Protein backbone atom coordinates (compact mmCIF):
# COMPACT_ATOMS: atom_id res chain seq x y z
CA UNK A 1 108.60 54.00 43.83
CA UNK A 2 109.48 56.61 46.45
CA UNK A 3 111.29 55.00 49.34
CA UNK A 4 112.68 55.54 52.80
CA UNK A 5 115.61 57.57 51.50
CA UNK A 6 113.21 60.43 50.63
CA UNK A 7 115.28 61.46 47.61
CA UNK A 8 112.54 61.40 45.01
CA UNK A 9 110.39 59.29 42.68
CA UNK A 10 111.78 56.44 40.58
CA UNK A 11 109.61 55.51 37.59
CA UNK A 12 110.16 52.69 35.12
CA UNK A 13 108.35 51.42 32.05
CA UNK A 14 108.11 47.64 32.25
CA UNK A 15 107.09 45.19 29.51
CA UNK A 16 105.82 41.77 30.61
CA UNK A 17 105.01 40.30 27.18
CA UNK A 18 108.29 38.41 26.88
CA UNK A 19 109.33 35.33 28.84
CA UNK A 20 111.35 37.54 31.16
CA UNK A 21 110.24 41.05 32.22
CA UNK A 22 111.97 43.86 30.33
CA UNK A 23 112.73 47.35 31.66
CA UNK A 24 112.22 49.68 28.69
CA UNK A 25 112.87 53.13 30.17
CA UNK A 26 113.42 54.96 33.46
CA UNK A 27 112.81 58.44 34.85
CA UNK A 28 113.55 60.25 38.13
CA UNK A 29 111.80 63.20 39.81
CA UNK A 30 113.71 64.58 42.83
CA UNK A 31 112.09 65.80 46.03
CA UNK A 32 112.84 69.39 46.99
CA UNK A 33 114.12 70.10 50.51
CA UNK A 34 110.77 71.49 51.70
CA UNK A 35 108.85 68.38 50.65
CA UNK A 36 111.45 66.13 52.26
CA UNK A 37 111.21 68.00 55.56
CA UNK A 38 107.42 67.97 55.52
CA UNK A 39 107.44 64.21 54.98
CA UNK A 40 109.98 63.68 57.74
CA UNK A 41 107.83 65.68 60.15
CA UNK A 42 104.93 63.26 59.62
CA UNK A 43 106.95 60.31 60.91
CA UNK A 44 106.17 61.55 64.42
CA UNK A 45 102.91 62.79 65.98
CA UNK A 46 102.38 66.50 65.49
CA UNK A 47 99.90 69.32 65.13
CA UNK A 48 97.25 69.05 62.40
CA UNK A 49 98.87 65.95 60.97
CA UNK A 50 95.74 64.57 59.26
CA UNK A 51 95.33 67.76 57.27
CA UNK A 52 99.05 67.94 56.49
CA UNK A 53 99.10 64.29 55.39
CA UNK A 54 96.15 64.80 53.05
CA UNK A 55 97.71 67.87 51.47
CA UNK A 56 101.01 66.02 51.01
CA UNK A 57 99.19 63.04 49.48
CA UNK A 58 97.82 65.35 46.80
CA UNK A 59 101.18 67.02 46.28
CA UNK A 60 102.91 63.65 45.95
CA UNK A 61 100.28 62.46 43.50
CA UNK A 62 101.04 65.41 41.23
CA UNK A 63 104.72 64.48 41.44
CA UNK A 64 103.95 60.82 40.66
CA UNK A 65 101.94 62.03 37.67
CA UNK A 66 104.84 64.23 36.57
CA UNK A 67 107.15 61.21 36.76
CA UNK A 68 104.68 59.09 34.77
CA UNK A 69 104.24 61.71 32.04
CA UNK A 70 107.99 62.36 31.84
CA UNK A 71 108.68 58.64 31.58
CA UNK A 72 106.16 58.11 28.78
CA UNK A 73 107.37 61.13 26.85
CA UNK A 74 110.95 59.89 27.08
CA UNK A 75 109.90 56.41 25.93
CA UNK A 76 107.52 57.80 23.26
CA UNK A 77 104.55 55.87 24.65
CA UNK A 78 100.95 56.98 24.89
CA UNK A 79 99.00 56.56 28.17
CA UNK A 80 96.49 54.38 26.30
CA UNK A 81 99.27 51.80 25.80
CA UNK A 82 99.84 51.39 29.55
CA UNK A 83 97.98 48.72 31.52
CA UNK A 84 98.51 50.36 34.91
CA UNK A 85 100.65 52.53 37.13
CA UNK A 86 101.86 50.65 40.19
CA UNK A 87 102.39 53.34 42.83
CA UNK A 88 103.78 52.41 46.23
CA UNK A 89 103.26 55.86 47.77
CA UNK A 90 105.47 57.45 50.42
CA UNK A 91 105.69 55.55 53.69
CA UNK A 92 105.30 57.75 56.77
CA UNK A 93 104.46 55.03 59.30
CA UNK A 94 105.19 51.31 59.28
CA UNK A 95 104.22 49.48 62.46
CA UNK A 96 103.92 45.74 61.82
CA UNK A 97 104.08 44.73 65.50
CA UNK A 98 101.27 42.41 66.58
CA UNK A 99 98.45 44.17 68.36
CA UNK A 100 98.88 47.51 66.57
CA UNK A 101 99.70 46.48 63.04
CA UNK A 102 99.30 49.15 60.37
CA UNK A 103 101.19 50.84 57.59
CA UNK A 104 100.62 54.24 55.94
CA UNK A 105 101.79 55.27 52.48
CA UNK A 106 100.82 58.72 51.25
CA UNK A 107 99.25 58.95 47.78
CA UNK A 108 95.86 59.97 46.44
CA UNK A 109 95.47 57.12 43.96
CA UNK A 110 92.17 58.44 42.65
CA UNK A 111 93.81 61.77 41.83
CA UNK A 112 96.77 60.00 40.19
CA UNK A 113 94.39 58.01 37.96
CA UNK A 114 92.63 61.24 37.06
CA UNK A 115 95.87 63.08 36.28
CA UNK A 116 97.36 60.30 34.12
CA UNK A 117 94.24 58.71 32.59
CA UNK A 118 95.81 55.36 33.51
CA UNK A 119 94.56 52.68 35.92
CA UNK A 120 96.41 52.95 39.24
CA UNK A 121 97.27 50.15 41.67
CA UNK A 122 98.38 51.19 45.15
CA UNK A 123 98.19 50.19 48.84
CA UNK A 124 100.26 47.05 48.36
CA UNK A 125 101.12 46.40 52.01
CA UNK A 126 97.81 46.52 53.87
CA UNK A 127 96.40 43.16 52.72
CA UNK A 128 99.52 41.31 53.82
CA UNK A 129 99.31 42.96 57.25
CA UNK A 130 95.60 42.09 57.44
CA UNK A 131 96.62 38.46 56.85
CA UNK A 132 99.00 38.56 59.81
CA UNK A 133 102.14 39.53 57.89
CA UNK A 134 104.66 42.30 58.24
CA UNK A 135 103.63 43.98 55.00
CA UNK A 136 107.31 43.99 54.05
CA UNK A 137 109.56 43.28 52.38
CA UNK A 138 107.50 42.71 49.24
CA UNK A 139 110.31 42.75 46.68
CA UNK A 140 111.52 39.15 47.27
CA UNK A 141 108.69 37.76 45.11
CA UNK A 142 109.91 39.94 42.24
CA UNK A 143 113.52 38.99 42.93
CA UNK A 144 112.49 35.35 42.62
CA UNK A 145 110.75 35.99 39.30
CA UNK A 146 113.64 37.92 37.76
CA UNK A 147 116.91 36.96 39.49
CA UNK A 148 116.61 33.36 40.70
CA UNK A 149 119.03 30.85 39.17
CA UNK A 150 118.36 27.12 38.75
CA UNK A 151 121.88 26.21 39.87
CA UNK A 152 123.46 29.17 41.70
CA UNK A 153 122.60 30.16 45.28
CA UNK A 154 122.14 33.93 45.13
CA UNK A 155 121.34 36.70 47.57
CA UNK A 156 119.84 40.03 46.52
CA UNK A 157 120.66 42.86 48.92
CA UNK A 158 118.62 46.03 48.57
CA UNK A 159 120.32 48.96 50.29
CA UNK A 160 117.87 51.82 50.24
CA UNK A 161 116.95 53.77 53.34
CA UNK A 162 116.49 50.36 54.96
CA UNK A 163 118.50 47.29 53.96
CA UNK A 164 116.83 43.97 53.17
CA UNK A 165 117.99 40.66 51.78
CA UNK A 166 116.36 38.02 49.59
CA UNK A 167 117.69 34.48 49.81
CA UNK A 168 117.39 32.76 46.42
CA UNK A 169 118.41 29.17 47.10
CA UNK A 170 117.63 26.98 44.06
CA UNK A 171 116.97 24.05 46.41
CA UNK A 172 114.64 25.81 48.84
CA UNK A 173 111.76 28.24 49.15
CA UNK A 174 112.60 31.93 48.87
CA UNK A 175 113.10 33.80 52.13
CA UNK A 176 113.91 37.41 52.93
CA UNK A 177 113.62 40.14 55.52
CA UNK A 178 114.69 43.64 56.52
CA UNK A 179 118.04 43.43 58.27
CA UNK A 180 118.47 47.02 59.53
CA UNK A 181 119.36 50.55 58.43
CA UNK A 182 120.65 51.02 54.92
CA UNK A 183 121.41 54.61 53.99
CA UNK A 184 118.92 56.56 56.09
CA UNK A 185 121.08 57.12 59.20
CA UNK A 186 124.19 57.88 57.16
CA UNK A 187 122.24 60.32 54.99
CA UNK A 188 120.68 62.10 57.98
CA UNK A 189 124.03 62.41 59.80
CA UNK A 190 125.74 63.67 56.63
CA UNK A 191 123.03 66.29 56.10
CA UNK A 192 123.32 67.48 59.69
CA UNK A 193 127.11 67.84 59.67
CA UNK A 194 128.04 68.30 56.00
CA UNK A 195 124.95 69.93 54.54
CA UNK A 196 124.81 67.20 51.88
CA UNK A 197 121.94 64.80 51.32
CA UNK A 198 124.28 61.81 51.15
CA UNK A 199 127.94 60.86 51.56
CA UNK A 200 129.04 60.31 47.96
CA UNK A 201 131.12 57.14 47.60
CA UNK A 202 131.42 57.06 51.39
CA UNK A 203 134.17 59.69 51.08
CA UNK A 204 133.40 61.37 54.41
CA UNK A 205 133.04 58.04 56.21
CA UNK A 206 136.51 57.11 54.94
CA UNK A 207 137.99 60.05 56.89
CA UNK A 208 136.67 58.65 60.17
CA UNK A 209 137.31 55.62 62.32
CA UNK A 210 134.76 53.12 63.54
CA UNK A 211 133.96 53.57 67.24
CA UNK A 212 133.74 49.97 68.55
CA UNK A 213 131.83 50.88 71.71
CA UNK A 214 129.23 52.86 69.75
CA UNK A 215 128.86 50.10 67.16
CA UNK A 216 128.24 47.61 69.95
CA UNK A 217 125.60 49.83 71.54
CA UNK A 218 123.84 50.25 68.19
CA UNK A 219 123.87 46.52 67.52
CA UNK A 220 122.27 45.84 70.92
CA UNK A 221 118.97 47.09 69.51
CA UNK A 222 116.51 44.20 69.87
CA UNK A 223 115.57 44.30 66.18
CA UNK A 224 118.92 42.86 65.13
CA UNK A 225 118.55 39.78 67.33
CA UNK A 226 114.95 39.19 66.26
CA UNK A 227 114.23 36.31 63.95
CA UNK A 228 112.50 36.71 60.59
CA UNK A 229 109.91 37.50 59.44
CA UNK A 230 110.72 41.08 60.35
CA UNK A 231 110.59 44.54 58.83
CA UNK A 232 111.46 48.02 60.01
CA UNK A 233 111.70 51.67 59.01
CA UNK A 234 112.07 55.23 60.28
CA UNK A 235 109.64 54.47 63.10
CA UNK A 236 112.60 52.78 64.81
CA UNK A 237 115.80 53.83 63.05
CA UNK A 238 115.85 57.63 63.05
CA UNK A 239 117.94 60.52 64.37
CA UNK A 240 116.25 60.39 67.77
CA UNK A 241 117.31 56.75 68.07
CA UNK A 242 120.88 57.54 67.02
CA UNK A 243 121.29 60.58 69.25
CA UNK A 244 120.09 58.57 72.25
CA UNK A 245 123.10 56.26 71.76
CA UNK A 246 125.75 59.02 71.58
CA UNK A 247 127.78 60.35 74.49
CA UNK A 248 128.31 63.73 72.81
CA UNK A 249 132.08 63.51 72.60
CA UNK A 250 132.32 61.60 69.32
CA UNK A 251 133.87 63.12 66.21
CA UNK A 252 131.23 63.51 63.50
CA UNK A 253 133.28 61.66 60.87
CA UNK A 254 133.81 58.77 63.30
CA UNK A 255 130.06 58.47 63.83
CA UNK A 256 129.62 58.40 60.03
CA UNK A 257 132.20 55.62 59.72
CA UNK A 258 130.42 53.71 62.49
CA UNK A 259 127.03 54.07 60.82
CA UNK A 260 128.48 52.71 57.58
CA UNK A 261 129.90 49.78 59.51
CA UNK A 262 126.51 49.25 61.18
CA UNK A 263 124.87 48.79 57.78
CA UNK A 264 127.62 46.43 56.64
CA UNK A 265 127.58 44.39 59.85
CA UNK A 266 123.79 44.04 59.85
CA UNK A 267 123.81 42.74 56.28
CA UNK A 268 126.80 40.43 56.79
CA UNK A 269 125.41 39.02 60.05
CA UNK A 270 122.06 38.31 58.34
CA UNK A 271 123.81 36.47 55.52
CA UNK A 272 125.94 34.43 57.90
CA UNK A 273 122.97 33.52 60.08
CA UNK A 274 120.38 32.66 57.44
CA UNK A 275 122.08 31.96 54.11
CA UNK A 276 125.76 31.16 54.74
CA UNK A 277 126.02 28.79 51.76
CA UNK A 278 125.15 31.47 49.20
CA UNK A 279 127.73 31.82 46.44
CA UNK A 280 126.71 35.16 44.90
CA UNK A 281 125.56 38.46 46.41
CA UNK A 282 124.03 41.14 44.17
CA UNK A 283 123.34 44.62 45.50
CA UNK A 284 120.75 47.17 44.38
CA UNK A 285 119.52 50.50 45.72
CA UNK A 286 121.47 53.68 46.39
CA UNK A 287 123.93 51.91 48.67
CA UNK A 288 125.27 49.96 45.70
CA UNK A 289 127.02 53.19 44.61
CA UNK A 290 128.78 53.70 47.95
CA UNK A 291 132.29 52.46 47.20
CA UNK A 292 133.35 52.38 50.85
CA UNK A 293 130.27 50.39 51.83
CA UNK A 294 130.68 47.90 48.99
CA UNK A 295 134.35 47.39 49.81
CA UNK A 296 133.63 46.74 53.48
CA UNK A 297 130.73 44.44 52.63
CA UNK A 298 133.03 42.40 50.40
CA UNK A 299 135.50 42.11 53.28
CA UNK A 300 132.71 41.05 55.64
CA UNK A 301 131.50 38.17 53.42
CA UNK A 302 134.74 36.63 52.13
CA UNK A 303 134.51 33.92 49.51
CA UNK A 304 131.30 35.21 47.98
CA UNK A 305 131.03 36.88 44.59
CA UNK A 306 129.83 40.46 45.13
CA UNK A 307 128.42 42.68 42.36
CA UNK A 308 125.59 45.05 41.51
CA UNK A 309 122.36 43.71 39.99
CA UNK A 310 123.44 45.34 36.74
CA UNK A 311 125.35 42.08 36.15
CA UNK A 312 121.97 40.30 36.13
CA UNK A 313 120.48 42.70 33.59
CA UNK A 314 118.64 45.19 35.83
CA UNK A 315 120.35 48.45 36.81
CA UNK A 316 120.62 48.72 40.58
CA UNK A 317 118.84 52.09 40.77
CA UNK A 318 115.63 50.78 39.21
CA UNK A 319 115.06 47.35 40.78
CA UNK A 320 112.51 48.48 43.36
CA UNK A 321 110.41 50.54 40.95
CA UNK A 322 110.50 47.57 38.55
CA UNK A 323 109.27 45.38 41.42
CA UNK A 324 106.19 47.52 42.00
CA UNK A 325 105.37 47.47 38.31
CA UNK A 326 105.46 43.68 38.62
CA UNK A 327 103.33 43.78 41.76
CA UNK A 328 100.77 45.96 39.98
CA UNK A 329 100.57 43.37 37.20
CA UNK A 330 100.09 40.63 39.79
CA UNK A 331 97.15 42.57 41.20
CA UNK A 332 95.54 43.02 37.77
CA UNK A 333 95.92 39.29 37.12
CA UNK A 334 94.57 38.51 40.61
CA UNK A 335 97.79 36.67 41.46
CA UNK A 336 99.41 36.78 44.91
CA UNK A 337 102.17 39.36 45.28
CA UNK A 338 103.54 38.41 48.68
CA UNK A 339 105.53 35.43 49.89
CA UNK A 340 104.16 34.13 53.18
CA UNK A 341 107.58 32.72 54.15
CA UNK A 342 108.98 36.26 53.88
CA UNK A 343 106.29 38.41 55.47
CA UNK A 344 104.76 35.91 57.89
CA UNK A 345 101.26 36.25 56.40
CA UNK A 346 98.82 33.33 56.62
CA UNK A 347 99.29 32.73 52.91
CA UNK A 348 99.61 34.29 49.50
CA UNK A 349 97.38 37.31 48.96
CA UNK A 350 96.48 39.56 46.03
CA UNK A 351 98.02 42.90 47.00
CA UNK A 352 96.81 46.34 46.06
CA UNK A 353 93.74 48.51 45.54
CA UNK A 354 92.81 49.20 41.91
CA UNK A 355 91.58 52.58 40.66
CA UNK A 356 90.40 52.16 37.04
CA UNK A 357 91.24 54.92 34.55
């Protein structure tokens, strides 16, 4: 998995022989600054973008192969022992709006199969969109398979570049949706003003104060008031969007504090509106390591048990990569990978294109 945060490639080795899926090993390949900037530039129309996208697809595929090889060497597994690589690819456009629905993830899956000698499953989102869905979020089906309790009402909150929630009510069908920015705006603002790719532990945000008027303006974005199913990404929430909301007189650390509060408020409001009776909230993704964010989220949802997904047996950093391993297996078995109640598709669909080894 390489997600909206643009930090690198997460790879996991997953075993599905047992009753419950088991994560055997993990591996991370970071993006360099040049690659990150090239990917960011493709989120907006530009010169020669088809050629640039194709070149980056090949470059990413070599990086995905490097992650796969590194993972297998660490775990002491041979490629012949692996059923498939589930590769999400790098999203550069996600436009699920009716009338112009499409999604683009960069990866040359044929090249990845050639480089690894392993069957590759990719393009997980397009079939759901073709069936009238948002193409996202796709992880709730995996959350249901791994984290759902028979007697405890749980919520899984993934705070990557974008934040999304999965409502695991033992007495009802699973629901979930993107609720707004996760880390991407905070990371971009921190890089611009601090020269760091992220605000570790929310330390810089702690030095600022929330600007109520700015927070209100940010929350007036129509996406927040929209009802699920809904998904979003950098196509909406980006630096151009943020800068259009600023007056120019704000202190940088105050904007950072406000962006952190925006993420917290969006998550808390989604929980209050759509799953207020939940007893437990488990967080995964990079945001789970932001102490300031986790503290404020706990304050915003009083009375609910808040912890990282590590407490449920899956380390928070690896949940999403684990999910796409599971989705790849679903494709090989010809089982649906989406949840229509989550994405808005006409029904369950087998997700993914398969490139045999």
